[in-house]
Structure formats: structure tokens, C-alpha cells
Protein backbone atom coordinates (compact mmCIF):
# COMPACT_ATOMS: atom_id res chain seq x y z
CA MET A 1 -2.32 185.99 108.39
CA LYS A 2 -2.72 185.11 112.04
CA PRO A 3 -5.38 186.79 114.20
CA ARG A 4 -4.23 188.60 117.30
CA ARG A 5 -5.83 188.94 120.73
CA ASN A 6 -7.19 192.38 119.91
CA GLY A 7 -8.73 191.03 116.71
CA LYS A 8 -6.27 192.66 114.28
CA PRO A 9 -4.70 190.33 111.72
CA ARG A 10 -0.90 190.32 111.66
CA GLN A 11 1.65 189.33 109.06
CA LYS A 12 5.45 188.99 109.16
CA PHE A 13 7.54 190.68 106.49
CA LYS A 14 11.26 190.60 105.79
CA PHE A 15 12.81 193.92 104.76
CA THR A 16 16.23 193.93 103.08
CA LEU A 17 18.49 196.93 102.54
CA LYS A 18 21.26 196.68 99.93
CA VAL A 19 24.23 198.84 100.97
CA ASN A 20 26.68 199.25 98.08
CA HIS A 21 28.91 202.11 99.17
CA ILE A 22 29.06 205.52 100.82
CA ILE A 23 30.90 208.42 99.18
CA PHE A 24 32.21 211.35 101.21
CA PRO A 25 33.43 214.65 99.73
CA LYS A 26 37.25 214.51 99.63
CA ALA A 27 37.72 217.40 102.10
CA ILE A 28 35.53 215.63 104.67
CA ALA A 29 37.07 212.23 103.91
CA ARG A 30 40.54 213.56 104.78
CA LYS A 31 39.27 214.80 108.17
CA LEU A 32 37.55 211.48 108.91
CA SER A 33 40.26 209.17 107.58
CA SER A 34 41.05 207.77 111.05
CA SER A 35 37.38 206.92 111.76
CA LYS A 36 35.51 203.77 110.85
CA PHE A 37 31.83 203.53 109.88
CA TYR A 38 28.94 201.09 109.65
CA VAL A 39 25.30 201.24 108.55
CA LEU A 40 22.65 200.18 111.06
CA LEU A 41 19.08 199.14 110.20
CA SER A 42 17.00 199.25 113.38
CA ARG A 43 13.46 199.00 114.65
CA ALA A 44 12.56 199.02 118.35
CA ASP A 45 14.67 196.25 119.89
CA LYS A 46 15.70 194.65 116.57
CA SER A 47 18.71 195.72 114.55
CA ASN A 48 21.21 194.54 111.97
CA GLN A 49 24.37 196.19 110.71
CA THR A 50 26.97 196.09 107.95
CA LYS A 51 30.58 195.27 108.55
CA ILE A 52 32.77 198.13 109.77
CA GLY A 53 34.49 200.00 106.95
CA SER A 54 37.18 202.63 106.51
CA ILE A 55 37.25 205.54 104.08
CA SER A 56 39.55 205.05 101.08
CA LYS A 57 41.73 207.87 99.73
CA GLY A 58 39.03 208.54 97.15
CA GLY A 59 36.50 209.18 99.93
CA LYS A 60 34.55 205.95 99.49
CA ILE A 61 33.58 203.09 101.79
CA GLU A 62 32.72 199.86 99.96
CA TYR A 63 30.17 197.56 101.61
CA ASN A 64 28.39 195.57 98.88
CA GLU A 65 26.22 193.72 101.37
CA GLU A 66 22.60 193.29 102.40
CA ILE A 67 21.17 193.75 105.87
CA SER A 68 17.70 192.47 106.76
CA LEU A 69 15.09 192.93 109.42
CA GLU A 70 11.82 191.11 110.11
CA ALA A 71 8.76 192.98 111.34
CA THR A 72 5.20 191.96 112.10
CA LEU A 73 2.66 194.38 110.70
CA LEU A 74 -0.90 194.63 111.97
CA LYS A 75 -3.82 195.23 109.65
CA ASN A 76 -6.66 197.61 110.44
CA ARG A 77 -9.83 195.65 109.72
CA SER A 78 -12.04 198.64 108.97
CA SER A 79 -9.73 200.25 106.38
CA ASN A 80 -7.97 197.02 105.29
CA THR A 81 -4.59 198.80 105.52
CA TYR A 82 -1.50 198.03 107.56
CA ILE A 83 -0.83 200.09 110.67
CA SER A 84 2.24 202.32 110.54
CA LYS A 85 5.52 200.89 111.87
CA HIS A 86 8.71 202.95 111.72
CA CYS A 87 12.29 201.91 111.09
CA ARG A 88 15.65 203.74 110.93
CA ILE A 89 18.76 203.59 108.79
CA VAL A 90 21.68 205.11 110.71
CA LEU A 91 25.26 205.82 109.62
CA ARG A 92 27.42 205.29 112.73
CA GLN A 93 30.96 206.58 113.21
CA ILE A 94 33.54 204.90 115.45
CA LYS A 95 36.11 207.45 116.55
CA ASN A 96 39.54 206.09 117.40
CA SER A 97 40.75 206.95 120.85
CA SER A 98 44.27 208.27 121.40
CA ASN A 99 44.40 206.30 124.64
CA PRO A 100 44.50 202.51 124.02
CA ASN A 101 42.90 201.84 127.44
CA THR A 102 39.69 203.73 126.66
CA LYS A 103 36.80 202.47 124.61
CA ALA A 104 36.29 203.96 121.12
CA ARG A 105 33.45 206.50 121.00
CA GLN A 106 30.54 206.03 118.63
CA SER A 107 28.19 208.64 117.26
CA SER A 108 25.45 208.91 114.64
CA VAL A 109 26.51 210.80 111.54
CA GLY A 110 23.07 210.73 109.95
CA SER A 111 19.78 208.91 110.15
CA ILE A 112 16.67 208.33 108.07
CA LYS A 113 13.34 207.37 109.64
CA PHE A 114 10.75 205.75 107.39
CA ASP A 115 7.53 203.75 107.57
CA LEU A 116 7.84 200.05 106.70
CA VAL A 117 4.26 200.05 105.42
CA ASP A 118 5.43 202.13 102.43
CA TYR A 119 7.68 199.25 101.33
CA ILE A 120 5.34 196.27 101.23
CA ASP A 121 3.33 194.97 98.29
CA ARG A 122 -0.35 195.63 98.82
CA VAL A 123 -1.93 192.67 97.10
């Protein structure tokens, strides 16, 4: 652990998310069949994403890939615990445009915010 200017020790961690697949209900999958999707793991100015996938007729998008992110966590000296640092997992939708000259629109379908501190080994 390296000390920091403010006296708090810091340590780098690598966080990996395994994305197997996403399953949509068939009624929703039919409505979204022309859209494409990807999963984004982001924290502040750092992010990583899966490949872009399409929904199959069964309502499933197969990814079978890992996305990773590195974060430096600071340790509170008095309590000997790491200071909270939040991250997001976002499912992004790319909507096809009817006009080939316009850029495809993107929107967030859903997002989960969590604390990275909850996912480190406290040895």
C-alpha cells in the first residue's frame, strides 16, 4: 500500500464482471428486436463495455465475456476500513434510426449502482 499526500494509504484493485447473457420476456423482445444492446461497467471517468449484441428470437443476448475496471481505494487509518467508492453497471440500448444520415440514439435501459468496497477481500 502506498501512502498518499493526505496520509491515507491507497491500494489498487481490479474488479471483473462476468456477463453471460441477458434474457428478455418474449413480448418485450419482439418490440426491441431491431435494437442492439451492450453492458457498460463505469466509474467516474473509467469505463469498459461488452461487445454489442442483438436479441435472438428466444429473447436472449449472448455475451459470454468479462469486463474489468481498476480502482484505487483509500483506507481510513482510524477505522482501518476502505472508504466508499461507487461503480455502475448499465444496460445500454442502441436504437436504429430510420434515416441512414442520422446517428443512432442510445439510452440506458437499466442501471445498478454499488460500492466497490463490498467486493474486496478484507484480509
